[in-house]
C-alpha atoms as a PDB file:
ATOM      1  CA  UNK A   1      -5.555 -29.851  -4.042  1.00  0.00           C
ATOM      2  CA  UNK A   2      -6.090 -29.928  -7.728  1.00  0.00           C
ATOM      3  CA  UNK A   3      -5.347 -26.572  -8.222  1.00  0.00           C
ATOM      4  CA  UNK A   4      -2.210 -26.312  -5.970  1.00  0.00           C
ATOM      5  CA  UNK A   5      -1.012 -28.968  -8.351  1.00  0.00           C
ATOM      6  CA  UNK A   6      -1.387 -26.924 -11.457  1.00  0.00           C
ATOM      7  CA  UNK A   7       0.242 -24.342  -9.683  1.00  0.00           C
ATOM      8  CA  UNK A   8       3.020 -25.996  -9.010  1.00  0.00           C
ATOM      9  CA  UNK A   9       3.242 -27.542 -12.336  1.00  0.00           C
ATOM     10  CA  UNK A  10       3.140 -24.098 -13.898  1.00  0.00           C
ATOM     11  CA  UNK A  11       5.903 -22.995 -11.026  1.00  0.00           C
ATOM     12  CA  UNK A  12       8.054 -25.727 -12.166  1.00  0.00           C
ATOM     13  CA  UNK A  13       7.805 -24.750 -15.822  1.00  0.00           C
ATOM     14  CA  UNK A  14       8.473 -21.002 -14.904  1.00  0.00           C
ATOM     15  CA  UNK A  15      11.408 -21.765 -12.861  1.00  0.00           C
ATOM     16  CA  UNK A  16      13.180 -24.437 -15.733  1.00  0.00           C
ATOM     17  CA  UNK A  17      12.202 -21.893 -18.584  1.00  0.00           C
ATOM     18  CA  UNK A  18      14.516 -19.195 -17.013  1.00  0.00           C
ATOM     19  CA  UNK A  19      17.408 -21.393 -17.992  1.00  0.00           C
ATOM     20  CA  UNK A  20      16.336 -21.933 -21.409  1.00  0.00           C
ATOM     21  CA  UNK A  21      19.155 -21.054 -23.354  1.00  0.00           C
ATOM     22  CA  UNK A  22      18.489 -18.565 -26.006  1.00  0.00           C
ATOM     23  CA  UNK A  23      15.064 -17.619 -24.876  1.00  0.00           C
ATOM     24  CA  UNK A  24      14.198 -14.170 -22.948  1.00  0.00           C
ATOM     25  CA  UNK A  25      13.600 -14.727 -19.203  1.00  0.00           C
ATOM     26  CA  UNK A  26       9.960 -14.079 -18.686  1.00  0.00           C
ATOM     27  CA  UNK A  27       8.615 -12.029 -15.499  1.00  0.00           C
ATOM     28  CA  UNK A  28       4.902 -12.583 -14.952  1.00  0.00           C
ATOM     29  CA  UNK A  29       3.662  -8.989 -13.031  1.00  0.00           C
ATOM     30  CA  UNK A  30       0.257  -9.703 -11.631  1.00  0.00           C
ATOM     31  CA  UNK A  31      -1.587  -6.406 -10.193  1.00  0.00           C
ATOM     32  CA  UNK A  32      -5.059  -6.125  -9.055  1.00  0.00           C
ATOM     33  CA  UNK A  33      -5.423  -2.249 -10.268  1.00  0.00           C
ATOM     34  CA  UNK A  34      -6.029  -0.673 -13.508  1.00  0.00           C
ATOM     35  CA  UNK A  35      -3.239   0.586 -15.569  1.00  0.00           C
ATOM     36  CA  UNK A  36      -4.004   4.342 -15.648  1.00  0.00           C
ATOM     37  CA  UNK A  37      -3.367   4.173 -11.574  1.00  0.00           C
ATOM     38  CA  UNK A  38       0.515   4.912 -10.011  1.00  0.00           C
ATOM     39  CA  UNK A  39       0.828   1.197  -9.436  1.00  0.00           C
ATOM     40  CA  UNK A  40      -0.256   0.301 -12.460  1.00  0.00           C
ATOM     41  CA  UNK A  41       1.860   3.181 -14.346  1.00  0.00           C
ATOM     42  CA  UNK A  42       4.683   1.517 -12.263  1.00  0.00           C
ATOM     43  CA  UNK A  43       4.503  -1.661 -13.583  1.00  0.00           C
ATOM     44  CA  UNK A  44       4.489  -0.356 -16.844  1.00  0.00           C
ATOM     45  CA  UNK A  45       7.626   1.608 -16.495  1.00  0.00           C
ATOM     46  CA  UNK A  46       9.589  -1.399 -15.214  1.00  0.00           C
ATOM     47  CA  UNK A  47       8.660  -3.662 -17.768  1.00  0.00           C
ATOM     48  CA  UNK A  48      10.010  -0.913 -20.070  1.00  0.00           C
ATOM     49  CA  UNK A  49      13.306  -0.357 -18.388  1.00  0.00           C
ATOM     50  CA  UNK A  50      13.887  -4.180 -17.473  1.00  0.00           C
ATOM     51  CA  UNK A  51      13.514  -4.610 -21.006  1.00  0.00           C
ATOM     52  CA  UNK A  52      15.753  -2.019 -21.889  1.00  0.00           C
ATOM     53  CA  UNK A  53      18.625  -2.667 -19.437  1.00  0.00           C
ATOM     54  CA  UNK A  54      18.714  -6.404 -20.139  1.00  0.00           C
ATOM     55  CA  UNK A  55      18.521  -5.617 -23.940  1.00  0.00           C
ATOM     56  CA  UNK A  56      15.778  -7.945 -24.465  1.00  0.00           C
ATOM     57  CA  UNK A  57      17.221 -11.177 -22.300  1.00  0.00           C
ATOM     58  CA  UNK A  58      13.878 -10.178 -19.933  1.00  0.00           C
ATOM     59  CA  UNK A  59      10.430  -9.894 -20.934  1.00  0.00           C
ATOM     60  CA  UNK A  60       8.239  -8.702 -18.702  1.00  0.00           C
ATOM     61  CA  UNK A  61       4.201  -9.925 -18.901  1.00  0.00           C
ATOM     62  CA  UNK A  62       1.877  -7.166 -16.786  1.00  0.00           C
ATOM     63  CA  UNK A  63      -1.501  -8.582 -16.206  1.00  0.00           C
ATOM     64  CA  UNK A  64      -3.582  -5.689 -14.692  1.00  0.00           C
ATOM     65  CA  UNK A  65      -7.169  -5.816 -13.248  1.00  0.00           C
ATOM     66  CA  UNK A  66      -6.541  -9.356 -11.674  1.00  0.00           C
ATOM     67  CA  UNK A  67      -6.688 -10.781 -15.230  1.00  0.00           C
ATOM     68  CA  UNK A  68      -3.948 -13.428 -14.039  1.00  0.00           C
ATOM     69  CA  UNK A  69      -5.161 -14.072 -10.162  1.00  0.00           C
ATOM     70  CA  UNK A  70      -7.355 -12.266  -7.692  1.00  0.00           C
ATOM     71  CA  UNK A  71      -6.473 -10.689  -4.704  1.00  0.00           C
ATOM     72  CA  UNK A  72      -6.757 -13.374  -2.266  1.00  0.00           C
ATOM     73  CA  UNK A  73      -5.152 -16.067  -4.947  1.00  0.00           C
ATOM     74  CA  UNK A  74      -1.917 -13.681  -5.621  1.00  0.00           C
ATOM     75  CA  UNK A  75       0.075 -14.446  -3.063  1.00  0.00           C
ATOM     76  CA  UNK A  76      -0.131 -17.993  -2.675  1.00  0.00           C
ATOM     77  CA  UNK A  77       0.618 -18.219  -6.082  1.00  0.00           C
ATOM     78  CA  UNK A  78       3.731 -16.130  -6.011  1.00  0.00           C
ATOM     79  CA  UNK A  79       5.295 -18.378  -3.356  1.00  0.00           C
ATOM     80  CA  UNK A  80       4.162 -21.353  -5.529  1.00  0.00           C
ATOM     81  CA  UNK A  81       6.391 -19.649  -8.303  1.00  0.00           C
ATOM     82  CA  UNK A  82       3.214 -19.582 -10.792  1.00  0.00           C
ATOM     83  CA  UNK A  83       4.008 -15.773 -10.966  1.00  0.00           C
ATOM     84  CA  UNK A  84       7.149 -13.798 -10.594  1.00  0.00           C
ATOM     85  CA  UNK A  85       6.125 -10.434  -9.444  1.00  0.00           C
ATOM     86  CA  UNK A  86       3.334  -8.714  -7.530  1.00  0.00           C
ATOM     87  CA  UNK A  87       2.525  -5.436  -5.586  1.00  0.00           C
ATOM     88  CA  UNK A  88       0.199  -6.209  -2.699  1.00  0.00           C
ATOM     89  CA  UNK A  89      -1.199  -3.581  -0.247  1.00  0.00           C
ATOM     90  CA  UNK A  90       1.185  -3.663   2.796  1.00  0.00           C
ATOM     91  CA  UNK A  91      -2.048  -4.588   5.219  1.00  0.00           C
ATOM     92  CA  UNK A  92      -2.044  -8.158   3.003  1.00  0.00           C
ATOM     93  CA  UNK A  93       1.362  -9.183   4.755  1.00  0.00           C
ATOM     94  CA  UNK A  94      -0.636  -9.514   8.465  1.00  0.00           C
ATOM     95  CA  UNK A  95      -2.539 -12.606   7.282  1.00  0.00           C
ATOM     96  CA  UNK A  96       0.350 -14.090   5.812  1.00  0.00           C
ATOM     97  CA  UNK A  97       2.023 -13.929   9.244  1.00  0.00           C
ATOM     98  CA  UNK A  98       4.316 -10.814   9.048  1.00  0.00           C
ATOM     99  CA  UNK A  99       2.282  -8.335  10.984  1.00  0.00           C
ATOM    100  CA  UNK A 100       5.363  -6.288  11.550  1.00  0.00           C
ATOM    101  CA  UNK A 101       4.130  -4.644   8.034  1.00  0.00           C
ATOM    102  CA  UNK A 102       1.014  -3.197   9.732  1.00  0.00           C
ATOM    103  CA  UNK A 103       3.526  -0.570  11.557  1.00  0.00           C
ATOM    104  CA  UNK A 104       2.383   1.154   8.232  1.00  0.00           C
ATOM    105  CA  UNK A 105      -1.130   1.677   9.231  1.00  0.00           C
ATOM    106  CA  UNK A 106      -0.188   3.199  12.516  1.00  0.00           C
ATOM    107  CA  UNK A 107      -1.792   6.648  12.805  1.00  0.00           C
ATOM    108  CA  UNK A 108       0.617   9.530  12.388  1.00  0.00           C
ATOM    109  CA  UNK A 109       3.537   7.111  12.512  1.00  0.00           C
ATOM    110  CA  UNK A 110       4.889   9.418   9.380  1.00  0.00           C
ATOM    111  CA  UNK A 111       4.151  13.156   9.340  1.00  0.00           C
ATOM    112  CA  UNK A 112       5.443  13.604   5.270  1.00  0.00           C
ATOM    113  CA  UNK A 113       6.899  11.862   2.540  1.00  0.00           C
ATOM    114  CA  UNK A 114      10.245  12.488   3.332  1.00  0.00           C
ATOM    115  CA  UNK A 115      10.023  11.124   6.829  1.00  0.00           C
ATOM    116  CA  UNK A 116       7.904   8.127   4.961  1.00  0.00           C
ATOM    117  CA  UNK A 117      10.881   7.629   2.587  1.00  0.00           C
ATOM    118  CA  UNK A 118      13.752   7.767   5.574  1.00  0.00           C
ATOM    119  CA  UNK A 119      11.885   4.586   6.774  1.00  0.00           C
ATOM    120  CA  UNK A 120      11.085   2.948   3.119  1.00  0.00           C
ATOM    121  CA  UNK A 121      14.104   3.903   1.314  1.00  0.00           C
ATOM    122  CA  UNK A 122      16.152   3.301   4.389  1.00  0.00           C
ATOM    123  CA  UNK A 123      17.696   0.442   6.737  1.00  0.00           C
ATOM    124  CA  UNK A 124      14.317  -0.161   8.606  1.00  0.00           C
ATOM    125  CA  UNK A 125      12.307  -0.718   4.997  1.00  0.00           C
ATOM    126  CA  UNK A 126      15.368  -3.465   4.315  1.00  0.00           C
ATOM    127  CA  UNK A 127      14.819  -5.053   8.083  1.00  0.00           C
ATOM    128  CA  UNK A 128      11.197  -5.642   7.213  1.00  0.00           C
ATOM    129  CA  UNK A 129      11.436  -6.916   3.885  1.00  0.00           C
ATOM    130  CA  UNK A 130      13.920  -9.282   5.139  1.00  0.00           C
ATOM    131  CA  UNK A 131      11.118 -10.673   7.150  1.00  0.00           C
ATOM    132  CA  UNK A 132       9.482 -11.717   4.058  1.00  0.00           C
ATOM    133  CA  UNK A 133      12.441 -14.533   2.978  1.00  0.00           C
ATOM    134  CA  UNK A 134      11.418 -17.164   5.677  1.00  0.00           C
ATOM    135  CA  UNK A 135       7.678 -17.039   3.500  1.00  0.00           C
ATOM    136  CA  UNK A 136      10.171 -17.697  -0.268  1.00  0.00           C
ATOM    137  CA  UNK A 137       9.245 -13.982  -0.810  1.00  0.00           C
ATOM    138  CA  UNK A 138      11.655 -11.409  -1.868  1.00  0.00           C
ATOM    139  CA  UNK A 139      10.939  -7.752  -1.450  1.00  0.00           C
ATOM    140  CA  UNK A 140      12.139  -5.521  -3.989  1.00  0.00           C
ATOM    141  CA  UNK A 141      10.710  -1.770  -3.414  1.00  0.00           C
ATOM    142  CA  UNK A 142       7.950   0.170  -1.350  1.00  0.00           C
ATOM    143  CA  UNK A 143       5.613   2.027  -3.788  1.00  0.00           C
ATOM    144  CA  UNK A 144       3.548   4.658  -2.333  1.00  0.00           C
ATOM    145  CA  UNK A 145      -0.323   5.620  -2.740  1.00  0.00           C
ATOM    146  CA  UNK A 146      -0.823   8.317  -0.444  1.00  0.00           C
ATOM    147  CA  UNK A 147      -1.541   9.701   2.907  1.00  0.00           C
ATOM    148  CA  UNK A 148      -5.540   9.492   4.065  1.00  0.00           C
ATOM    149  CA  UNK A 149      -8.081  11.853   4.779  1.00  0.00           C
ATOM    150  CA  UNK A 150     -11.353  11.392   6.166  1.00  0.00           C
ATOM    151  CA  UNK A 151     -14.517  12.023   5.349  1.00  0.00           C
ATOM    152  CA  UNK A 152     -18.319  12.062   6.405  1.00  0.00           C
ATOM    153  CA  UNK A 153     -21.616  13.783   6.104  1.00  0.00           C
ATOM    154  CA  UNK A 154     -21.058  15.940   9.155  1.00  0.00           C
ATOM    155  CA  UNK A 155     -18.219  18.486   9.640  1.00  0.00           C
ATOM    156  CA  UNK A 156     -14.783  16.945  10.823  1.00  0.00           C
ATOM    157  CA  UNK A 157     -12.983  19.533  12.661  1.00  0.00           C
ATOM    158  CA  UNK A 158     -11.907  17.592  16.135  1.00  0.00           C
ATOM    159  CA  UNK A 159     -11.867  13.825  16.965  1.00  0.00           C
ATOM    160  CA  UNK A 160     -15.123  13.611  19.361  1.00  0.00           C
ATOM    161  CA  UNK A 161     -16.844  14.852  15.939  1.00  0.00           C
ATOM    162  CA  UNK A 162     -16.381  10.896  14.931  1.00  0.00           C
ATOM    163  CA  UNK A 163     -17.633   9.842  18.168  1.00  0.00           C
ATOM    164  CA  UNK A 164     -20.243   6.961  17.325  1.00  0.00           C
ATOM    165  CA  UNK A 165     -19.492   7.172  13.666  1.00  0.00           C
ATOM    166  CA  UNK A 166     -19.598   4.077  11.439  1.00  0.00           C
ATOM    167  CA  UNK A 167     -16.114   4.776   9.803  1.00  0.00           C
ATOM    168  CA  UNK A 168     -15.172   1.978   7.124  1.00  0.00           C
ATOM    169  CA  UNK A 169     -11.910   0.794   7.169  1.00  0.00           C
ATOM    170  CA  UNK A 170      -9.580  -1.825   5.304  1.00  0.00           C
ATOM    171  CA  UNK A 171      -9.121  -5.236   7.197  1.00  0.00           C
ATOM    172  CA  UNK A 172      -6.482  -4.205   9.789  1.00  0.00           C
ATOM    173  CA  UNK A 173      -6.442  -4.634  13.795  1.00  0.00           C
ATOM    174  CA  UNK A 174      -4.509  -1.549  13.685  1.00  0.00           C
ATOM    175  CA  UNK A 175      -7.044   0.695  11.805  1.00  0.00           C
ATOM    176  CA  UNK A 176      -9.897  -0.899  14.042  1.00  0.00           C
ATOM    177  CA  UNK A 177      -8.123   0.496  16.908  1.00  0.00           C
ATOM    178  CA  UNK A 178      -7.098   3.648  15.278  1.00  0.00           C
ATOM    179  CA  UNK A 179     -11.213   4.338  15.114  1.00  0.00           C
ATOM    180  CA  UNK A 180     -11.771   2.950  18.170  1.00  0.00           C
ATOM    181  CA  UNK A 181      -9.451   6.006  19.582  1.00  0.00           C
ATOM    182  CA  UNK A 182     -11.418   8.542  17.615  1.00  0.00           C
ATOM    183  CA  UNK A 183     -14.561   7.160  19.405  1.00  0.00           C
ATOM    184  CA  UNK A 184     -15.781   5.825  15.777  1.00  0.00           C
ATOM    185  CA  UNK A 185     -17.486   2.337  14.966  1.00  0.00           C
ATOM    186  CA  UNK A 186     -14.894   0.588  12.690  1.00  0.00           C
ATOM    187  CA  UNK A 187     -16.512  -0.976   9.529  1.00  0.00           C
ATOM    188  CA  UNK A 188     -14.507  -3.617   7.696  1.00  0.00           C
ATOM    189  CA  UNK A 189     -15.639  -3.281   4.051  1.00  0.00           C
ATOM    190  CA  UNK A 190     -14.388  -4.387   0.707  1.00  0.00           C
ATOM    191  CA  UNK A 191     -12.854  -1.364  -1.352  1.00  0.00           C
ATOM    192  CA  UNK A 192     -15.213  -1.993  -4.140  1.00  0.00           C
ATOM    193  CA  UNK A 193     -18.464  -1.635  -1.703  1.00  0.00           C
ATOM    194  CA  UNK A 194     -17.877   1.811  -0.150  1.00  0.00           C
ATOM    195  CA  UNK A 195     -19.273   3.962  -2.675  1.00  0.00           C
ATOM    196  CA  UNK A 196     -22.592   2.203  -2.231  1.00  0.00           C
ATOM    197  CA  UNK A 197     -22.358   1.872   1.517  1.00  0.00           C
ATOM    198  CA  UNK A 198     -21.760   5.512   1.787  1.00  0.00           C
ATOM    199  CA  UNK A 199     -24.396   6.616  -0.871  1.00  0.00           C
ATOM    200  CA  UNK A 200     -27.164   4.418   1.201  1.00  0.00           C
ATOM    201  CA  UNK A 201     -25.947   5.259   4.722  1.00  0.00           C
ATOM    202  CA  UNK A 202     -24.497   1.753   5.645  1.00  0.00           C
ATOM    203  CA  UNK A 203     -21.404   3.685   6.813  1.00  0.00           C
ATOM    204  CA  UNK A 204     -21.223   7.245   8.099  1.00  0.00           C
ATOM    205  CA  UNK A 205     -18.175   8.138   6.516  1.00  0.00           C
ATOM    206  CA  UNK A 206     -14.208   6.677   5.554  1.00  0.00           C
ATOM    207  CA  UNK A 207     -10.594   7.374   5.093  1.00  0.00           C
ATOM    208  CA  UNK A 208      -8.381   6.949   2.002  1.00  0.00           C
ATOM    209  CA  UNK A 209      -6.215   8.985   0.086  1.00  0.00           C
ATOM    210  CA  UNK A 210      -7.301  11.675  -2.370  1.00  0.00           C
ATOM    211  CA  UNK A 211      -6.918   9.753  -5.400  1.00  0.00           C
ATOM    212  CA  UNK A 212      -8.951   6.955  -4.070  1.00  0.00           C
ATOM    213  CA  UNK A 213     -11.752   9.112  -2.800  1.00  0.00           C
ATOM    214  CA  UNK A 214     -11.879  11.255  -6.359  1.00  0.00           C
ATOM    215  CA  UNK A 215     -11.761   8.227  -8.881  1.00  0.00           C
ATOM    216  CA  UNK A 216     -14.292   6.327  -6.590  1.00  0.00           C
ATOM    217  CA  UNK A 217     -16.384   8.977  -6.732  1.00  0.00           C
ATOM    218  CA  UNK A 218     -16.494   9.165  -2.752  1.00  0.00           C
ATOM    219  CA  UNK A 219     -16.644  12.852  -2.545  1.00  0.00           C
ATOM    220  CA  UNK A 220     -20.125  12.836  -4.443  1.00  0.00           C
ATOM    221  CA  UNK A 221     -21.702  10.962  -1.295  1.00  0.00           C
ATOM    222  CA  UNK A 222     -19.533  12.534   1.243  1.00  0.00           C
ATOM    223  CA  UNK A 223     -20.456  16.066   2.265  1.00  0.00           C
ATOM    224  CA  UNK A 224     -17.325  16.775   4.851  1.00  0.00           C
ATOM    225  CA  UNK A 225     -13.736  16.095   3.612  1.00  0.00           C
ATOM    226  CA  UNK A 226     -10.772  17.059   6.161  1.00  0.00           C
ATOM    227  CA  UNK A 227      -7.303  16.895   4.890  1.00  0.00           C
ATOM    228  CA  UNK A 228      -5.834  14.852   8.169  1.00  0.00           C
ATOM    229  CA  UNK A 229      -3.152  13.228   6.708  1.00  0.00           C
ATOM    230  CA  UNK A 230      -3.494  11.000   9.347  1.00  0.00           C
ATOM    231  CA  UNK A 231      -2.423   7.177   7.880  1.00  0.00           C
ATOM    232  CA  UNK A 232      -0.509   6.401   4.645  1.00  0.00           C
ATOM    233  CA  UNK A 233      -1.330   3.677   1.988  1.00  0.00           C
ATOM    234  CA  UNK A 234       1.315   2.127  -0.104  1.00  0.00           C
ATOM    235  CA  UNK A 235       2.708  -1.382  -1.599  1.00  0.00           C
ATOM    236  CA  UNK A 236       5.544  -3.799  -1.517  1.00  0.00           C
ATOM    237  CA  UNK A 237       6.916  -4.605  -5.034  1.00  0.00           C
ATOM    238  CA  UNK A 238       7.728  -8.505  -4.153  1.00  0.00           C
ATOM    239  CA  UNK A 239       9.012 -11.177  -6.003  1.00  0.00           C
ATOM    240  CA  UNK A 240       9.296 -15.451  -5.919  1.00  0.00           C
ATOM    241  CA  UNK A 241      12.737 -15.931  -3.959  1.00  0.00           C
ATOM    242  CA  UNK A 242      13.831 -18.913  -5.734  1.00  0.00           C
ATOM    243  CA  UNK A 243      12.830 -17.353  -9.141  1.00  0.00           C
ATOM    244  CA  UNK A 244      15.171 -14.312  -8.066  1.00  0.00           C
ATOM    245  CA  UNK A 245      17.983 -16.094  -7.014  1.00  0.00           C
ATOM    246  CA  UNK A 246      17.989 -18.249  -9.544  1.00  0.00           C
ATOM    247  CA  UNK A 247      18.571 -15.281 -11.938  1.00  0.00           C
ATOM    248  CA  UNK A 248      22.433 -14.370 -13.205  1.00  0.00           C
ATOM    249  CA  UNK A 249      23.726 -11.790 -11.345  1.00  0.00           C
ATOM    250  CA  UNK A 250      24.069  -9.465 -13.978  1.00  0.00           C
ATOM    251  CA  UNK A 251      20.493  -9.520 -14.702  1.00  0.00           C
ATOM    252  CA  UNK A 252      19.710  -8.879 -11.200  1.00  0.00           C
ATOM    253  CA  UNK A 253      22.036  -6.143 -11.112  1.00  0.00           C
ATOM    254  CA  UNK A 254      20.050  -4.668 -14.067  1.00  0.00           C
ATOM    255  CA  UNK A 255      16.657  -5.300 -12.849  1.00  0.00           C
ATOM    256  CA  UNK A 256      17.811  -3.894  -9.509  1.00  0.00           C
ATOM    257  CA  UNK A 257      18.375  -0.333 -11.222  1.00  0.00           C
ATOM    258  CA  UNK A 258      15.177  -0.687 -13.398  1.00  0.00           C
ATOM    259  CA  UNK A 259      13.033  -1.225 -10.262  1.00  0.00           C
ATOM    260  CA  UNK A 260      14.666   1.577  -8.498  1.00  0.00           C
ATOM    261  CA  UNK A 261      13.836   4.088 -11.555  1.00  0.00           C
ATOM    262  CA  UNK A 262      10.183   2.549 -11.883  1.00  0.00           C
ATOM    263  CA  UNK A 263       9.932   3.299  -7.822  1.00  0.00           C
ATOM    264  CA  UNK A 264      11.060   6.794  -8.110  1.00  0.00           C
ATOM    265  CA  UNK A 265       8.888   7.228 -11.317  1.00  0.00           C
ATOM    266  CA  UNK A 266       6.030   5.503  -9.610  1.00  0.00           C
ATOM    267  CA  UNK A 267       6.037   7.510  -6.089  1.00  0.00           C
ATOM    268  CA  UNK A 268       6.507  10.961  -7.895  1.00  0.00           C
ATOM    269  CA  UNK A 269       2.941  10.268  -9.894  1.00  0.00           C
ATOM    270  CA  UNK A 270       1.477   9.068  -6.679  1.00  0.00           C
ATOM    271  CA  UNK A 271       2.086  12.433  -5.293  1.00  0.00           C
ATOM    272  CA  UNK A 272       1.175  14.315  -8.195  1.00  0.00           C
ATOM    273  CA  UNK A 273      -2.168  12.482  -8.622  1.00  0.00           C
ATOM    274  CA  UNK A 274      -3.134  13.055  -4.961  1.00  0.00           C
ATOM    275  CA  UNK A 275      -2.780  16.956  -5.534  1.00  0.00           C
ATOM    276  CA  UNK A 276      -4.422  16.878  -8.795  1.00  0.00           C
ATOM    277  CA  UNK A 277      -7.273  14.735  -7.043  1.00  0.00           C
ATOM    278  CA  UNK A 278      -7.729  17.502  -4.394  1.00  0.00           C
ATOM    279  CA  UNK A 279      -8.138  20.134  -7.234  1.00  0.00           C
ATOM    280  CA  UNK A 280     -10.799  18.005  -8.804  1.00  0.00           C
ATOM    281  CA  UNK A 281     -12.726  17.356  -5.650  1.00  0.00           C
ATOM    282  CA  UNK A 282     -12.489  21.194  -4.868  1.00  0.00           C
ATOM    283  CA  UNK A 283     -13.677  21.794  -8.711  1.00  0.00           C
ATOM    284  CA  UNK A 284     -16.856  19.125  -8.504  1.00  0.00           C
ATOM    285  CA  UNK A 285     -18.176  21.583  -5.843  1.00  0.00           C
ATOM    286  CA  UNK A 286     -20.254  18.355  -3.755  1.00  0.00           C
ATOM    287  CA  UNK A 287     -18.003  18.258  -0.924  1.00  0.00           C
ATOM    288  CA  UNK A 288     -16.582  21.019   1.855  1.00  0.00           C
ATOM    289  CA  UNK A 289     -12.867  20.247   2.447  1.00  0.00           C
ATOM    290  CA  UNK A 290     -11.559  21.578   5.695  1.00  0.00           C
ATOM    291  CA  UNK A 291      -7.564  21.982   6.301  1.00  0.00           C
ATOM    292  CA  UNK A 292      -7.060  21.581   9.887  1.00  0.00           C
ATOM    293  CA  UNK A 293      -5.403  24.317  11.666  1.00  0.00           C
ATOM    294  CA  UNK A 294      -2.208  23.909  13.578  1.00  0.00           C
ATOM    295  CA  UNK A 295      -4.028  22.897  17.121  1.00  0.00           C
ATOM    296  CA  UNK A 296      -6.726  20.956  15.247  1.00  0.00           C
ATOM    297  CA  UNK A 297      -4.002  18.471  13.611  1.00  0.00           C
ATOM    298  CA  UNK A 298      -2.603  18.659  17.221  1.00  0.00           C
ATOM    299  CA  UNK A 299      -5.629  17.505  18.779  1.00  0.00           C
ATOM    300  CA  UNK A 300      -6.065  14.222  16.125  1.00  0.00           C
ATOM    301  CA  UNK A 301      -2.358  13.366  16.904  1.00  0.00           C
ATOM    302  CA  UNK A 302      -3.106  13.218  20.666  1.00  0.00           C
ATOM    303  CA  UNK A 303      -6.254  11.078  20.091  1.00  0.00           C
ATOM    304  CA  UNK A 304      -4.493   9.007  17.886  1.00  0.00           C
ATOM    305  CA  UNK A 305      -0.721   8.436  18.601  1.00  0.00           C
ATOM    306  CA  UNK A 306      -1.299   6.631  21.786  1.00  0.00           C
ATOM    307  CA  UNK A 307      -2.391   3.669  19.510  1.00  0.00           C
ATOM    308  CA  UNK A 308       1.351   2.935  18.888  1.00  0.00           C
ATOM    309  CA  UNK A 309       1.756   2.125  22.517  1.00  0.00           C
ATOM    310  CA  UNK A 310      -1.413  -0.115  22.291  1.00  0.00           C
ATOM    311  CA  UNK A 311       0.012  -1.751  19.358  1.00  0.00           C
ATOM    312  CA  UNK A 312       3.444  -2.846  20.532  1.00  0.00           C
ATOM    313  CA  UNK A 313       2.650  -6.227  21.184  1.00  0.00           C
ATOM    314  CA  UNK A 314       1.200  -6.690  17.487  1.00  0.00           C
ATOM    315  CA  UNK A 315       3.581  -4.887  15.513  1.00  0.00           C
ATOM    316  CA  UNK A 316       6.666  -4.619  17.614  1.00  0.00           C
ATOM    317  CA  UNK A 317       7.945  -2.061  20.009  1.00  0.00           C
ATOM    318  CA  UNK A 318      11.578  -2.234  18.596  1.00  0.00           C
ATOM    319  CA  UNK A 319      10.170  -1.703  15.329  1.00  0.00           C
ATOM    320  CA  UNK A 320       8.151   1.292  16.555  1.00  0.00           C
ATOM    321  CA  UNK A 321      10.894   3.017  17.911  1.00  0.00           C
ATOM    322  CA  UNK A 322      13.300   2.586  14.828  1.00  0.00           C
ATOM    323  CA  UNK A 323      10.878   4.615  12.802  1.00  0.00           C
ATOM    324  CA  UNK A 324      10.718   7.037  15.692  1.00  0.00           C
ATOM    325  CA  UNK A 325      14.624   7.429  15.514  1.00  0.00           C
ATOM    326  CA  UNK A 326      14.878   7.126  11.622  1.00  0.00           C
ATOM    327  CA  UNK A 327      12.219  10.130  11.483  1.00  0.00           C
ATOM    328  CA  UNK A 328      12.542  12.176  15.000  1.00  0.00           C
ATOM    329  CA  UNK A 329       9.044  11.637  15.959  1.00  0.00           C
ATOM    330  CA  UNK A 330       8.817  12.165  19.717  1.00  0.00           C
ATOM    331  CA  UNK A 331       5.225  10.909  21.082  1.00  0.00           C
ATOM    332  CA  UNK A 332       5.945  12.848  24.154  1.00  0.00           C
ATOM    333  CA  UNK A 333       6.178  16.249  22.544  1.00  0.00           C
ATOM    334  CA  UNK A 334       2.678  16.136  21.162  1.00  0.00           C
END
């Protein structure tokens, strides 16, 4: 209770501070990763552009690496107004009661960045963000991490190759069902624990983006990597709704432009860094990389797309259909 009272007090001070006559509006942007990641670079680009477009009327303070709030604390801090902006992973909204965001965990719901951006830059993305508002949260943008590949210490050529394998996932009911559809045993585990778990054999394999696999050195303890591109990892940049609506209209417009440009910048970096990571994993020579044939890819899709139907009651059948309409996906033709 003391911590909560303190946060409420900080919130009041933060919101009052925006109205001070000649003082710059301070925006505290907290995130949990390093500054040299796509998310970290995107936050710094937003800071640069926000301060430029508002001509110093806004000052953005970026707090990387959980220096202000840890992963599990930051959403509550945002809701209370003690921090003004975050960029949590999309899986974080399920526990908040907005399960619709778990639609991004569905395997093969997006074939490529073009299809993904039809959703995240389009009406469906806006509808999803609107579902955060009753929680006191305003969604501003979707930021990419990238598409996931599968790794293990045995070759992965077809879905049955993962049967009985213990596969690490982040906490998500959708991802649990995905691994079961492959015959694998899902193991929920913190990201920071994955390298050691792979090294010691606590788990047999994992899924992640290439940039995460390389920067966390997972390729050093996994003999095989298959470029399935079966799922997506991303973030939503969010702000405290009361704080945002209390800003002068012209300032909001300038900040929206800064966020739009920072999003394009950050998403471009994410794609590039995954491409670079693939080359670096190849150069390391410790992991055999497999590019699935068209038939192998089709086999993975046929095994995994039925997860969409199973998860309709959790994420919403209408939402899944709206994504099919936006991307042109027709599961019956796989």
